[in-house]
Protein backbone atom coordinates (compact mmCIF):
# COMPACT_ATOMS: atom_id res chain seq x y z
CA UNK A 1 34.28 64.98 9.78
CA UNK A 2 37.68 64.16 11.26
CA UNK A 3 37.13 60.41 10.87
CA UNK A 4 36.21 60.93 7.21
CA UNK A 5 39.35 63.00 6.58
CA UNK A 6 41.62 60.49 8.33
CA UNK A 7 40.19 57.54 6.43
CA UNK A 8 40.21 59.34 3.08
CA UNK A 9 43.78 60.57 3.47
CA UNK A 10 44.91 57.09 4.52
CA UNK A 11 43.25 55.57 1.45
CA UNK A 12 44.88 58.13 -0.83
CA UNK A 13 48.24 57.56 0.85
CA UNK A 14 47.96 53.80 0.36
CA UNK A 15 47.08 54.27 -3.28
CA UNK A 16 49.98 56.65 -3.94
CA UNK A 17 52.44 54.38 -2.11
CA UNK A 18 51.15 51.34 -4.01
CA UNK A 19 51.46 53.15 -7.32
CA UNK A 20 55.00 54.33 -6.55
CA UNK A 21 56.13 50.83 -5.59
CA UNK A 22 54.46 49.16 -8.58
CA UNK A 23 55.75 51.77 -11.04
CA UNK A 24 59.25 51.46 -9.54
CA UNK A 25 59.24 47.68 -9.79
CA UNK A 26 57.86 47.94 -13.33
CA UNK A 27 60.70 50.30 -14.29
CA UNK A 28 63.31 48.00 -12.72
CA UNK A 29 61.95 44.85 -14.33
CA UNK A 30 61.55 46.34 -17.80
CA UNK A 31 64.71 48.48 -17.49
CA UNK A 32 62.80 51.34 -19.00
CA UNK A 33 62.58 54.97 -17.97
CA UNK A 34 59.08 55.35 -19.37
CA UNK A 35 56.45 53.49 -17.40
CA UNK A 36 52.99 53.09 -18.94
CA UNK A 37 50.33 54.58 -16.65
CA UNK A 38 47.41 52.23 -17.13
CA UNK A 39 48.67 48.90 -15.76
CA UNK A 40 50.48 50.26 -12.69
CA UNK A 41 47.43 52.44 -12.01
CA UNK A 42 45.05 49.48 -12.14
CA UNK A 43 47.36 47.26 -10.09
CA UNK A 44 47.77 50.04 -7.51
CA UNK A 45 43.99 50.36 -7.24
CA UNK A 46 43.62 46.64 -6.54
CA UNK A 47 46.57 46.46 -4.13
CA UNK A 48 45.51 49.56 -2.20
CA UNK A 49 41.91 48.31 -1.97
CA UNK A 50 43.04 45.00 -0.52
CA UNK A 51 45.51 46.67 1.83
CA UNK A 52 42.98 49.23 3.05
CA UNK A 53 40.47 46.48 3.76
CA UNK A 54 42.85 45.01 6.31
CA UNK A 55 45.01 47.90 7.50
CA UNK A 56 42.35 50.60 7.70
CA UNK A 57 39.69 48.59 9.49
CA UNK A 58 39.88 50.79 12.62
CA UNK A 59 39.43 54.16 10.90
CA UNK A 60 36.73 52.71 8.63
CA UNK A 61 34.77 51.35 11.60
CA UNK A 62 35.08 54.65 13.49
CA UNK A 63 33.84 56.53 10.44
CA UNK A 64 30.93 54.11 9.98
CA UNK A 65 30.02 54.38 13.67
CA UNK A 66 29.99 58.17 13.42
CA UNK A 67 27.76 58.08 10.33
CA UNK A 68 25.42 55.63 12.06
CA UNK A 69 25.29 57.83 15.17
CA UNK A 70 24.40 60.89 13.10
CA UNK A 71 21.73 59.00 11.14
CA UNK A 72 20.20 57.68 14.36
CA UNK A 73 20.11 61.18 15.87
CA UNK A 74 18.51 62.63 12.74
CA UNK A 75 15.87 59.87 12.66
CA UNK A 76 15.12 60.44 16.35
CA UNK A 77 14.70 64.20 15.78
CA UNK A 78 12.50 63.56 12.76
CA UNK A 79 10.29 61.24 14.81
CA UNK A 80 10.05 63.83 17.60
CA UNK A 81 8.99 66.56 15.16
CA UNK A 82 6.45 64.25 13.52
CA UNK A 83 5.05 63.26 16.92
CA UNK A 84 4.65 66.95 17.86
CA UNK A 85 2.90 67.65 14.56
CA UNK A 86 0.55 64.69 15.11
CA UNK A 87 -0.33 65.98 18.59
CA UNK A 88 -1.01 69.47 17.19
CA UNK A 89 -3.47 68.13 14.61
CA UNK A 90 -5.73 66.54 17.20
């Protein structure tokens, strides 16, 4: 669960930081105090996705390894229970 929280918070942080930078640059370039939400939001989504692909590789791989470990353990337990049930039927 910790790996999930770390990765998720890092992704959210990257998105918020990307949005703040893009909205700030937008405001400076247009010299306007009102920044439209849609375009900076979409650009921030793209920028943060690309950045997280490179910068968050470690947390993402740790999270994926943990999910894989849990899935493997659950499959092993399921197979053990099924094997015990098969032995009981004979």
